[in-house]
PDB file of N, CA and C in Angstrom:
ATOM      1  N   MET A   1     113.212  49.333  28.549  1.00  0.00           N
ATOM      2  CA  MET A   1     114.574  49.750  28.795  1.00  0.00           C
ATOM      3  C   MET A   1     114.560  50.796  29.909  1.00  0.00           C
ATOM      4  N   LYS A   2     115.590  50.702  30.758  1.00  0.00           N
ATOM      5  CA  LYS A   2     115.735  51.645  31.867  1.00  0.00           C
ATOM      6  C   LYS A   2     117.129  52.255  31.804  1.00  0.00           C
ATOM      7  N   ILE A   3     117.260  53.449  32.339  1.00  0.00           N
ATOM      8  CA  ILE A   3     118.579  54.049  32.479  1.00  0.00           C
ATOM      9  C   ILE A   3     118.992  53.871  33.942  1.00  0.00           C
ATOM     10  N   VAL A   4     120.221  53.451  34.155  1.00  0.00           N
ATOM     11  CA  VAL A   4     120.738  53.183  35.494  1.00  0.00           C
ATOM     12  C   VAL A   4     121.525  54.402  35.956  1.00  0.00           C
ATOM     13  N   ASN A   5     121.390  54.739  37.224  1.00  0.00           N
ATOM     14  CA  ASN A   5     122.040  55.942  37.735  1.00  0.00           C
ATOM     15  C   ASN A   5     123.513  55.684  38.083  1.00  0.00           C
ATOM     16  N   ARG A   6     124.257  55.214  37.090  1.00  0.00           N
ATOM     17  CA  ARG A   6     125.680  54.952  37.240  1.00  0.00           C
ATOM     18  C   ARG A   6     126.380  55.249  35.914  1.00  0.00           C
ATOM     19  N   GLY A   7     127.625  55.609  36.023  1.00  0.00           N
ATOM     20  CA  GLY A   7     128.517  55.631  34.882  1.00  0.00           C
ATOM     21  C   GLY A   7     129.270  54.314  34.902  1.00  0.00           C
ATOM     22  N   PHE A   8     130.269  54.191  34.048  1.00  0.00           N
ATOM     23  CA  PHE A   8     131.024  52.943  34.028  1.00  0.00           C
ATOM     24  C   PHE A   8     132.486  53.196  33.693  1.00  0.00           C
ATOM     25  N   MET A   9     133.308  52.269  34.153  1.00  0.00           N
ATOM     26  CA  MET A   9     134.725  52.261  33.842  1.00  0.00           C
ATOM     27  C   MET A   9     135.059  50.858  33.355  1.00  0.00           C
ATOM     28  N   THR A  10     135.581  50.746  32.140  1.00  0.00           N
ATOM     29  CA  THR A  10     136.031  49.439  31.667  1.00  0.00           C
ATOM     30  C   THR A  10     137.533  49.351  31.892  1.00  0.00           C
ATOM     31  N   VAL A  11     137.966  48.148  32.282  1.00  0.00           N
ATOM     32  CA  VAL A  11     139.369  47.911  32.599  1.00  0.00           C
ATOM     33  C   VAL A  11     139.814  46.688  31.805  1.00  0.00           C
ATOM     34  N   ALA A  12     140.719  46.908  30.858  1.00  0.00           N
ATOM     35  CA  ALA A  12     141.225  45.834  30.007  1.00  0.00           C
ATOM     36  C   ALA A  12     142.726  45.656  30.247  1.00  0.00           C
ATOM     37  N   PRO A  13     143.161  44.415  30.454  1.00  0.00           N
ATOM     38  CA  PRO A  13     144.584  44.168  30.702  1.00  0.00           C
ATOM     39  C   PRO A  13     145.454  44.479  29.489  1.00  0.00           C
ATOM     40  N   LYS A  14     146.613  45.067  29.777  1.00  0.00           N
ATOM     41  CA  LYS A  14     147.655  45.263  28.771  1.00  0.00           C
ATOM     42  C   LYS A  14     148.656  44.108  28.909  1.00  0.00           C
ATOM     43  N   GLN A  15     149.616  44.054  28.010  1.00  0.00           N
ATOM     44  CA  GLN A  15     150.589  42.960  28.017  1.00  0.00           C
ATOM     45  C   GLN A  15     151.378  42.893  29.325  1.00  0.00           C
ATOM     46  N   ALA A  16     151.672  44.026  29.940  1.00  0.00           N
ATOM     47  CA  ALA A  16     152.424  44.025  31.199  1.00  0.00           C
ATOM     48  C   ALA A  16     151.685  43.240  32.287  1.00  0.00           C
ATOM     49  N   PHE A  17     150.357  43.372  32.345  1.00  0.00           N
ATOM     50  CA  PHE A  17     149.568  42.593  33.302  1.00  0.00           C
ATOM     51  C   PHE A  17     149.658  41.116  32.961  1.00  0.00           C
ATOM     52  N   TRP A  18     149.511  40.769  31.675  1.00  0.00           N
ATOM     53  CA  TRP A  18     149.566  39.360  31.267  1.00  0.00           C
ATOM     54  C   TRP A  18     150.942  38.758  31.534  1.00  0.00           C
ATOM     55  N   ASP A  19     151.989  39.546  31.375  1.00  0.00           N
ATOM     56  CA  ASP A  19     153.328  39.038  31.686  1.00  0.00           C
ATOM     57  C   ASP A  19     153.404  38.630  33.151  1.00  0.00           C
ATOM     58  N   TRP A  20     152.861  39.458  34.035  1.00  0.00           N
ATOM     59  CA  TRP A  20     152.816  39.122  35.456  1.00  0.00           C
ATOM     60  C   TRP A  20     151.916  37.910  35.681  1.00  0.00           C
ATOM     61  N   ALA A  21     150.738  37.879  35.099  1.00  0.00           N
ATOM     62  CA  ALA A  21     149.767  36.800  35.307  1.00  0.00           C
ATOM     63  C   ALA A  21     150.302  35.458  34.820  1.00  0.00           C
ATOM     64  N   ASN A  22     151.071  35.478  33.760  1.00  0.00           N
ATOM     65  CA  ASN A  22     151.596  34.228  33.211  1.00  0.00           C
ATOM     66  C   ASN A  22     152.572  33.530  34.151  1.00  0.00           C
ATOM     67  N   GLU A  23     153.075  34.250  35.151  1.00  0.00           N
ATOM     68  CA  GLU A  23     153.940  33.626  36.152  1.00  0.00           C
ATOM     69  C   GLU A  23     153.181  32.588  36.979  1.00  0.00           C
ATOM     70  N   PHE A  24     151.852  32.659  37.002  1.00  0.00           N
ATOM     71  CA  PHE A  24     151.035  31.804  37.855  1.00  0.00           C
ATOM     72  C   PHE A  24     150.275  30.739  37.076  1.00  0.00           C
ATOM     73  N   GLU A  25     150.484  30.688  35.775  1.00  0.00           N
ATOM     74  CA  GLU A  25     149.738  29.764  34.926  1.00  0.00           C
ATOM     75  C   GLU A  25     150.710  28.892  34.137  1.00  0.00           C
ATOM     76  N   ASP A  26     150.563  27.579  34.284  1.00  0.00           N
ATOM     77  CA  ASP A  26     151.442  26.653  33.563  1.00  0.00           C
ATOM     78  C   ASP A  26     150.844  26.186  32.240  1.00  0.00           C
ATOM     79  N   ASP A  27     149.526  26.090  32.180  1.00  0.00           N
ATOM     80  CA  ASP A  27     148.866  25.474  31.028  1.00  0.00           C
ATOM     81  C   ASP A  27     148.528  26.444  29.903  1.00  0.00           C
ATOM     82  N   VAL A  28     148.349  27.710  30.231  1.00  0.00           N
ATOM     83  CA  VAL A  28     147.907  28.695  29.240  1.00  0.00           C
ATOM     84  C   VAL A  28     148.832  29.900  29.310  1.00  0.00           C
ATOM     85  N   VAL A  29     149.120  30.483  28.163  1.00  0.00           N
ATOM     86  CA  VAL A  29     149.882  31.735  28.115  1.00  0.00           C
ATOM     87  C   VAL A  29     148.932  32.816  27.632  1.00  0.00           C
ATOM     88  N   PHE A  30     148.702  33.793  28.487  1.00  0.00           N
ATOM     89  CA  PHE A  30     147.811  34.899  28.135  1.00  0.00           C
ATOM     90  C   PHE A  30     148.596  35.987  27.429  1.00  0.00           C
ATOM     91  N   SER A  31     147.900  36.690  26.547  1.00  0.00           N
ATOM     92  CA  SER A  31     148.526  37.768  25.789  1.00  0.00           C
ATOM     93  C   SER A  31     147.490  38.851  25.519  1.00  0.00           C
ATOM     94  N   GLU A  32     147.973  40.058  25.390  1.00  0.00           N
ATOM     95  CA  GLU A  32     147.090  41.176  25.035  1.00  0.00           C
ATOM     96  C   GLU A  32     146.424  40.921  23.690  1.00  0.00           C
ATOM     97  N   ALA A  33     147.077  40.156  22.841  1.00  0.00           N
ATOM     98  CA  ALA A  33     146.530  39.832  21.527  1.00  0.00           C
ATOM     99  C   ALA A  33     145.292  38.939  21.618  1.00  0.00           C
ATOM    100  N   ASP A  34     145.069  38.317  22.773  1.00  0.00           N
ATOM    101  CA  ASP A  34     143.897  37.448  22.955  1.00  0.00           C
ATOM    102  C   ASP A  34     142.589  38.233  22.974  1.00  0.00           C
ATOM    103  N   GLU A  35     142.672  39.539  23.121  1.00  0.00           N
ATOM    104  CA  GLU A  35     141.502  40.414  23.149  1.00  0.00           C
ATOM    105  C   GLU A  35     140.468  39.952  24.170  1.00  0.00           C
ATOM    106  N   VAL A  36     140.934  39.755  25.398  1.00  0.00           N
ATOM    107  CA  VAL A  36     140.049  39.383  26.499  1.00  0.00           C
ATOM    108  C   VAL A  36     139.109  40.552  26.777  1.00  0.00           C
ATOM    109  N   GLU A  37     137.836  40.238  26.996  1.00  0.00           N
ATOM    110  CA  GLU A  37     136.878  41.321  27.229  1.00  0.00           C
ATOM    111  C   GLU A  37     137.214  42.049  28.537  1.00  0.00           C
ATOM    112  N   PRO A  38     136.990  43.353  28.577  1.00  0.00           N
ATOM    113  CA  PRO A  38     137.308  44.113  29.783  1.00  0.00           C
ATOM    114  C   PRO A  38     136.285  43.850  30.887  1.00  0.00           C
ATOM    115  N   ASN A  39     136.687  44.130  32.102  1.00  0.00           N
ATOM    116  CA  ASN A  39     135.742  44.134  33.215  1.00  0.00           C
ATOM    117  C   ASN A  39     135.105  45.510  33.281  1.00  0.00           C
ATOM    118  N   VAL A  40     133.874  45.554  33.748  1.00  0.00           N
ATOM    119  CA  VAL A  40     133.133  46.808  33.838  1.00  0.00           C
ATOM    120  C   VAL A  40     132.867  47.108  35.307  1.00  0.00           C
ATOM    121  N   TYR A  41     133.221  48.298  35.716  1.00  0.00           N
ATOM    122  CA  TYR A  41     132.999  48.763  37.084  1.00  0.00           C
ATOM    123  C   TYR A  41     132.032  49.944  37.014  1.00  0.00           C
ATOM    124  N   LEU A  42     130.970  49.865  37.780  1.00  0.00           N
ATOM    125  CA  LEU A  42     130.020  50.973  37.811  1.00  0.00           C
ATOM    126  C   LEU A  42     130.534  52.053  38.754  1.00  0.00           C
ATOM    127  N   ILE A  43     130.393  53.286  38.329  1.00  0.00           N
ATOM    128  CA  ILE A  43     130.883  54.436  39.080  1.00  0.00           C
ATOM    129  C   ILE A  43     129.770  55.485  39.126  1.00  0.00           C
ATOM    130  N   THR A  44     130.037  56.581  39.790  1.00  0.00           N
ATOM    131  CA  THR A  44     129.072  57.667  39.819  1.00  0.00           C
ATOM    132  C   THR A  44     128.791  58.158  38.399  1.00  0.00           C
ATOM    133  N   GLU A  45     127.560  58.562  38.174  1.00  0.00           N
ATOM    134  CA  GLU A  45     127.216  59.087  36.851  1.00  0.00           C
ATOM    135  C   GLU A  45     127.554  60.574  36.731  1.00  0.00           C
ATOM    136  N   ASP A  46     127.772  61.213  37.858  1.00  0.00           N
ATOM    137  CA  ASP A  46     128.050  62.653  37.875  1.00  0.00           C
ATOM    138  C   ASP A  46     129.538  62.905  38.066  1.00  0.00           C
ATOM    139  N   PHE A  47     130.236  63.105  36.973  1.00  0.00           N
ATOM    140  CA  PHE A  47     131.648  63.452  37.072  1.00  0.00           C
ATOM    141  C   PHE A  47     131.987  64.445  35.975  1.00  0.00           C
ATOM    142  N   PHE A  48     133.003  65.229  36.262  1.00  0.00           N
ATOM    143  CA  PHE A  48     133.428  66.233  35.295  1.00  0.00           C
ATOM    144  C   PHE A  48     134.829  65.967  34.776  1.00  0.00           C
ATOM    145  N   GLU A  49     135.637  65.262  35.590  1.00  0.00           N
ATOM    146  CA  GLU A  49     136.998  64.953  35.195  1.00  0.00           C
ATOM    147  C   GLU A  49     137.253  63.469  35.389  1.00  0.00           C
ATOM    148  N   ILE A  50     138.002  62.887  34.473  1.00  0.00           N
ATOM    149  CA  ILE A  50     138.267  61.453  34.514  1.00  0.00           C
ATOM    150  C   ILE A  50     139.377  61.108  35.507  1.00  0.00           C
ATOM    151  N   GLU A  51     140.427  61.904  35.553  1.00  0.00           N
ATOM    152  CA  GLU A  51     141.584  61.580  36.386  1.00  0.00           C
ATOM    153  C   GLU A  51     141.220  61.378  37.856  1.00  0.00           C
ATOM    154  N   PRO A  52     140.411  62.252  38.472  1.00  0.00           N
ATOM    155  CA  PRO A  52     140.056  62.018  39.874  1.00  0.00           C
ATOM    156  C   PRO A  52     139.276  60.717  40.084  1.00  0.00           C
ATOM    157  N   LEU A  53     138.451  60.333  39.114  1.00  0.00           N
ATOM    158  CA  LEU A  53     137.719  59.066  39.214  1.00  0.00           C
ATOM    159  C   LEU A  53     138.669  57.881  39.245  1.00  0.00           C
ATOM    160  N   ILE A  54     139.656  57.918  38.375  1.00  0.00           N
ATOM    161  CA  ILE A  54     140.627  56.829  38.333  1.00  0.00           C
ATOM    162  C   ILE A  54     141.437  56.807  39.623  1.00  0.00           C
ATOM    163  N   GLU A  55     141.912  57.970  40.061  1.00  0.00           N
ATOM    164  CA  GLU A  55     142.690  58.047  41.304  1.00  0.00           C
ATOM    165  C   GLU A  55     141.888  57.538  42.500  1.00  0.00           C
ATOM    166  N   GLN A  56     140.626  57.849  42.531  1.00  0.00           N
ATOM    167  CA  GLN A  56     139.747  57.473  43.638  1.00  0.00           C
ATOM    168  C   GLN A  56     139.471  55.964  43.675  1.00  0.00           C
ATOM    169  N   ASN A  57     139.487  55.301  42.530  1.00  0.00           N
ATOM    170  CA  ASN A  57     139.051  53.905  42.465  1.00  0.00           C
ATOM    171  C   ASN A  57     140.119  52.893  42.086  1.00  0.00           C
ATOM    172  N   PHE A  58     141.303  53.331  41.670  1.00  0.00           N
ATOM    173  CA  PHE A  58     142.258  52.378  41.107  1.00  0.00           C
ATOM    174  C   PHE A  58     142.728  51.329  42.099  1.00  0.00           C
ATOM    175  N   LYS A  59     142.851  51.648  43.382  1.00  0.00           N
ATOM    176  CA  LYS A  59     143.339  50.662  44.357  1.00  0.00           C
ATOM    177  C   LYS A  59     142.368  49.490  44.492  1.00  0.00           C
ATOM    178  N   LYS A  60     141.071  49.785  44.580  1.00  0.00           N
ATOM    179  CA  LYS A  60     140.070  48.714  44.684  1.00  0.00           C
ATOM    180  C   LYS A  60     140.036  47.882  43.403  1.00  0.00           C
ATOM    181  N   ILE A  61     140.095  48.554  42.280  1.00  0.00           N
ATOM    182  CA  ILE A  61     140.058  47.848  40.997  1.00  0.00           C
ATOM    183  C   ILE A  61     141.319  47.004  40.822  1.00  0.00           C
ATOM    184  N   PHE A  62     142.475  47.578  41.138  1.00  0.00           N
ATOM    185  CA  PHE A  62     143.736  46.855  41.023  1.00  0.00           C
ATOM    186  C   PHE A  62     143.689  45.574  41.863  1.00  0.00           C
ATOM    187  N   LYS A  63     143.242  45.715  43.102  1.00  0.00           N
ATOM    188  CA  LYS A  63     143.128  44.563  44.003  1.00  0.00           C
ATOM    189  C   LYS A  63     142.218  43.490  43.403  1.00  0.00           C
ATOM    190  N   ASN A  64     141.101  43.895  42.869  1.00  0.00           N
ATOM    191  CA  ASN A  64     140.161  42.941  42.281  1.00  0.00           C
ATOM    192  C   ASN A  64     140.764  42.234  41.066  1.00  0.00           C
ATOM    193  N   GLU A  65     141.418  42.989  40.199  1.00  0.00           N
ATOM    194  CA  GLU A  65     142.026  42.405  39.004  1.00  0.00           C
ATOM    195  C   GLU A  65     143.131  41.416  39.374  1.00  0.00           C
ATOM    196  N   LEU A  66     143.959  41.772  40.353  1.00  0.00           N
ATOM    197  CA  LEU A  66     145.027  40.876  40.796  1.00  0.00           C
ATOM    198  C   LEU A  66     144.468  39.612  41.430  1.00  0.00           C
ATOM    199  N   SER A  67     143.398  39.769  42.220  1.00  0.00           N
ATOM    200  CA  SER A  67     142.826  38.611  42.922  1.00  0.00           C
ATOM    201  C   SER A  67     142.188  37.616  41.959  1.00  0.00           C
ATOM    202  N   MET A  68     141.875  38.040  40.744  1.00  0.00           N
ATOM    203  CA  MET A  68     141.336  37.105  39.764  1.00  0.00           C
ATOM    204  C   MET A  68     142.424  36.175  39.226  1.00  0.00           C
ATOM    205  N   ILE A  69     143.676  36.549  39.438  1.00  0.00           N
ATOM    206  CA  ILE A  69     144.801  35.709  39.017  1.00  0.00           C
ATOM    207  C   ILE A  69     145.296  34.866  40.195  1.00  0.00           C
ATOM    208  N   THR A  70     145.524  35.508  41.333  1.00  0.00           N
ATOM    209  CA  THR A  70     145.954  34.800  42.533  1.00  0.00           C
ATOM    210  C   THR A  70     145.444  35.525  43.771  1.00  0.00           C
ATOM    211  N   ASP A  71     144.950  34.755  44.731  1.00  0.00           N
ATOM    212  CA  ASP A  71     144.476  35.326  45.996  1.00  0.00           C
ATOM    213  C   ASP A  71     145.615  35.572  46.971  1.00  0.00           C
ATOM    214  N   THR A  72     146.801  35.114  46.653  1.00  0.00           N
ATOM    215  CA  THR A  72     147.954  35.262  47.534  1.00  0.00           C
ATOM    216  C   THR A  72     148.540  36.656  47.371  1.00  0.00           C
ATOM    217  N   GLU A  73     148.208  37.534  48.312  1.00  0.00           N
ATOM    218  CA  GLU A  73     148.619  38.933  48.204  1.00  0.00           C
ATOM    219  C   GLU A  73     150.133  39.100  48.197  1.00  0.00           C
ATOM    220  N   GLU A  74     150.867  38.147  48.768  1.00  0.00           N
ATOM    221  CA  GLU A  74     152.323  38.226  48.756  1.00  0.00           C
ATOM    222  C   GLU A  74     152.871  38.143  47.325  1.00  0.00           C
ATOM    223  N   ASP A  75     152.084  37.592  46.407  1.00  0.00           N
ATOM    224  CA  ASP A  75     152.494  37.486  45.008  1.00  0.00           C
ATOM    225  C   ASP A  75     152.177  38.742  44.199  1.00  0.00           C
ATOM    226  N   TRP A  76     151.432  39.642  44.789  1.00  0.00           N
ATOM    227  CA  TRP A  76     151.063  40.867  44.094  1.00  0.00           C
ATOM    228  C   TRP A  76     152.236  41.842  44.095  1.00  0.00           C
ATOM    229  N   PRO A  77     152.287  42.748  43.139  1.00  0.00           N
ATOM    230  CA  PRO A  77     153.335  43.779  43.164  1.00  0.00           C
ATOM    231  C   PRO A  77     153.236  44.581  44.464  1.00  0.00           C
ATOM    232  N   GLU A  78     154.386  44.869  45.051  1.00  0.00           N
ATOM    233  CA  GLU A  78     154.406  45.607  46.316  1.00  0.00           C
ATOM    234  C   GLU A  78     153.930  47.041  46.155  1.00  0.00           C
ATOM    235  N   ASN A  79     154.420  47.707  45.146  1.00  0.00           N
ATOM    236  CA  ASN A  79     154.083  49.116  44.932  1.00  0.00           C
ATOM    237  C   ASN A  79     152.980  49.225  43.892  1.00  0.00           C
ATOM    238  N   ARG A  80     151.756  49.108  44.345  1.00  0.00           N
ATOM    239  CA  ARG A  80     150.614  49.191  43.438  1.00  0.00           C
ATOM    240  C   ARG A  80     150.214  50.662  43.289  1.00  0.00           C
ATOM    241  N   THR A  81     150.985  51.353  42.507  1.00  0.00           N
ATOM    242  CA  THR A  81     150.791  52.786  42.298  1.00  0.00           C
ATOM    243  C   THR A  81     149.838  53.032  41.137  1.00  0.00           C
ATOM    244  N   LEU A  82     149.391  54.248  41.032  1.00  0.00           N
ATOM    245  CA  LEU A  82     148.555  54.651  39.905  1.00  0.00           C
ATOM    246  C   LEU A  82     149.334  54.482  38.598  1.00  0.00           C
ATOM    247  N   GLU A  83     150.607  54.811  38.612  1.00  0.00           N
ATOM    248  CA  GLU A  83     151.423  54.684  37.409  1.00  0.00           C
ATOM    249  C   GLU A  83     151.497  53.226  36.956  1.00  0.00           C
ATOM    250  N   LEU A  84     151.685  52.297  37.907  1.00  0.00           N
ATOM    251  CA  LEU A  84     151.732  50.881  37.562  1.00  0.00           C
ATOM    252  C   LEU A  84     150.378  50.422  37.029  1.00  0.00           C
ATOM    253  N   PHE A  85     149.308  50.839  37.705  1.00  0.00           N
ATOM    254  CA  PHE A  85     147.953  50.496  37.275  1.00  0.00           C
ATOM    255  C   PHE A  85     147.719  50.915  35.828  1.00  0.00           C
ATOM    256  N   LEU A  86     148.076  52.139  35.500  1.00  0.00           N
ATOM    257  CA  LEU A  86     147.859  52.653  34.147  1.00  0.00           C
ATOM    258  C   LEU A  86     148.768  51.983  33.122  1.00  0.00           C
ATOM    259  N   SER A  87     149.904  51.456  33.566  1.00  0.00           N
ATOM    260  CA  SER A  87     150.768  50.743  32.624  1.00  0.00           C
ATOM    261  C   SER A  87     150.306  49.304  32.416  1.00  0.00           C
ATOM    262  N   TRP A  88     149.452  48.801  33.307  1.00  0.00           N
ATOM    263  CA  TRP A  88     148.950  47.426  33.222  1.00  0.00           C
ATOM    264  C   TRP A  88     147.560  47.325  32.618  1.00  0.00           C
ATOM    265  N   PHE A  89     146.802  48.437  32.589  1.00  0.00           N
ATOM    266  CA  PHE A  89     145.406  48.379  32.145  1.00  0.00           C
ATOM    267  C   PHE A  89     145.051  49.555  31.247  1.00  0.00           C
ATOM    268  N   THR A  90     144.160  49.286  30.299  1.00  0.00           N
ATOM    269  CA  THR A  90     143.550  50.330  29.480  1.00  0.00           C
ATOM    270  C   THR A  90     142.215  50.670  30.126  1.00  0.00           C
ATOM    271  N   ILE A  91     141.982  51.939  30.348  1.00  0.00           N
ATOM    272  CA  ILE A  91     140.780  52.406  31.033  1.00  0.00           C
ATOM    273  C   ILE A  91     139.925  53.220  30.066  1.00  0.00           C
ATOM    274  N   GLU A  92     138.629  52.925  30.054  1.00  0.00           N
ATOM    275  CA  GLU A  92     137.669  53.753  29.321  1.00  0.00           C
ATOM    276  C   GLU A  92     136.529  54.077  30.266  1.00  0.00           C
ATOM    277  N   ILE A  93     136.003  55.285  30.158  1.00  0.00           N
ATOM    278  CA  ILE A  93     134.969  55.751  31.078  1.00  0.00           C
ATOM    279  C   ILE A  93     133.796  56.301  30.288  1.00  0.00           C
ATOM    280  N   GLY A  94     132.591  56.024  30.779  1.00  0.00           N
ATOM    281  CA  GLY A  94     131.373  56.556  30.182  1.00  0.00           C
ATOM    282  C   GLY A  94     130.382  56.920  31.271  1.00  0.00           C
ATOM    283  N   SER A  95     129.406  57.723  30.921  1.00  0.00           N
ATOM    284  CA  SER A  95     128.492  58.238  31.939  1.00  0.00           C
ATOM    285  C   SER A  95     127.065  57.711  31.833  1.00  0.00           C
ATOM    286  N   THR A  96     126.779  56.864  30.853  1.00  0.00           N
ATOM    287  CA  THR A  96     125.403  56.416  30.680  1.00  0.00           C
ATOM    288  C   THR A  96     125.346  54.893  30.595  1.00  0.00           C
ATOM    289  N   VAL A  97     124.465  54.305  31.416  1.00  0.00           N
ATOM    290  CA  VAL A  97     124.265  52.857  31.424  1.00  0.00           C
ATOM    291  C   VAL A  97     122.784  52.587  31.201  1.00  0.00           C
ATOM    292  N   PHE A  98     122.483  51.795  30.196  1.00  0.00           N
ATOM    293  CA  PHE A  98     121.111  51.394  29.913  1.00  0.00           C
ATOM    294  C   PHE A  98     120.938  49.932  30.287  1.00  0.00           C
ATOM    295  N   ASP A  99     119.808  49.618  30.889  1.00  0.00           N
ATOM    296  CA  ASP A  99     119.468  48.243  31.256  1.00  0.00           C
ATOM    297  C   ASP A  99     118.378  47.766  30.307  1.00  0.00           C
ATOM    298  N   LEU A 100     118.698  46.777  29.492  1.00  0.00           N
ATOM    299  CA  LEU A 100     117.752  46.259  28.512  1.00  0.00           C
ATOM    300  C   LEU A 100     116.899  45.114  29.051  1.00  0.00           C
ATOM    301  N   GLU A 101     117.220  44.643  30.246  1.00  0.00           N
ATOM    302  CA  GLU A 101     116.503  43.517  30.824  1.00  0.00           C
ATOM    303  C   GLU A 101     115.248  43.981  31.558  1.00  0.00           C
ATOM    304  N   LYS A 102     114.249  43.111  31.610  1.00  0.00           N
ATOM    305  CA  LYS A 102     112.996  43.440  32.303  1.00  0.00           C
ATOM    306  C   LYS A 102     113.088  43.160  33.797  1.00  0.00           C
ATOM    307  N   ASN A 103     113.847  42.111  34.161  1.00  0.00           N
ATOM    308  CA  ASN A 103     113.945  41.791  35.589  1.00  0.00           C
ATOM    309  C   ASN A 103     114.858  42.799  36.285  1.00  0.00           C
ATOM    310  N   GLY A 104     114.690  42.915  37.592  1.00  0.00           N
ATOM    311  CA  GLY A 104     115.413  43.908  38.373  1.00  0.00           C
ATOM    312  C   GLY A 104     116.899  43.590  38.493  1.00  0.00           C
ATOM    313  N   LEU A 105     117.672  44.623  38.772  1.00  0.00           N
ATOM    314  CA  LEU A 105     119.096  44.456  39.013  1.00  0.00           C
ATOM    315  C   LEU A 105     119.316  43.827  40.385  1.00  0.00           C
ATOM    316  N   SER A 106     120.345  43.051  40.511  1.00  0.00           N
ATOM    317  CA  SER A 106     120.730  42.532  41.823  1.00  0.00           C
ATOM    318  C   SER A 106     122.204  42.791  42.005  1.00  0.00           C
ATOM    319  N   ALA A 107     122.630  42.826  43.238  1.00  0.00           N
ATOM    320  CA  ALA A 107     124.035  43.091  43.561  1.00  0.00           C
ATOM    321  C   ALA A 107     124.459  42.194  44.705  1.00  0.00           C
ATOM    322  N   GLU A 108     125.715  41.826  44.677  1.00  0.00           N
ATOM    323  CA  GLU A 108     126.296  41.010  45.747  1.00  0.00           C
ATOM    324  C   GLU A 108     127.573  41.700  46.195  1.00  0.00           C
ATOM    325  N   LYS A 109     127.732  41.915  47.489  1.00  0.00           N
ATOM    326  CA  LYS A 109     128.915  42.594  48.011  1.00  0.00           C
ATOM    327  C   LYS A 109     130.091  41.618  48.038  1.00  0.00           C
ATOM    328  N   ILE A 110     131.237  42.064  47.478  1.00  0.00           N
ATOM    329  CA  ILE A 110     132.471  41.303  47.560  1.00  0.00           C
ATOM    330  C   ILE A 110     133.559  42.229  48.076  1.00  0.00           C
ATOM    331  N   ASP A 111     134.550  41.682  48.678  1.00  0.00           N
ATOM    332  CA  ASP A 111     135.675  42.518  49.166  1.00  0.00           C
ATOM    333  C   ASP A 111     136.967  42.077  48.601  1.00  0.00           C
TER     334      ASP A 111
END
């Protein structure tokens, strides 16, 4: 086991996000009750306050979460504010990440 030099932020959709996402899906209706697993974003391990971390990263995370539903940016909410982000997602933050795998970590850059 290894410790990774990152903290983490989990981002789980709330019903408001699913209400928006359901506009683009005809076959399935998503709901907060579905208990979809959150996405995990690695962040700096050295932080003292949570709010600045969220403020610093919410635009990139918001963009990524929206793009998983539709790549058409014209369909995204125009005012992607921190307030909207927090009303659409539940955020949890932690400072310790353990790697239980023996093989090395790999990363792929996405935009």
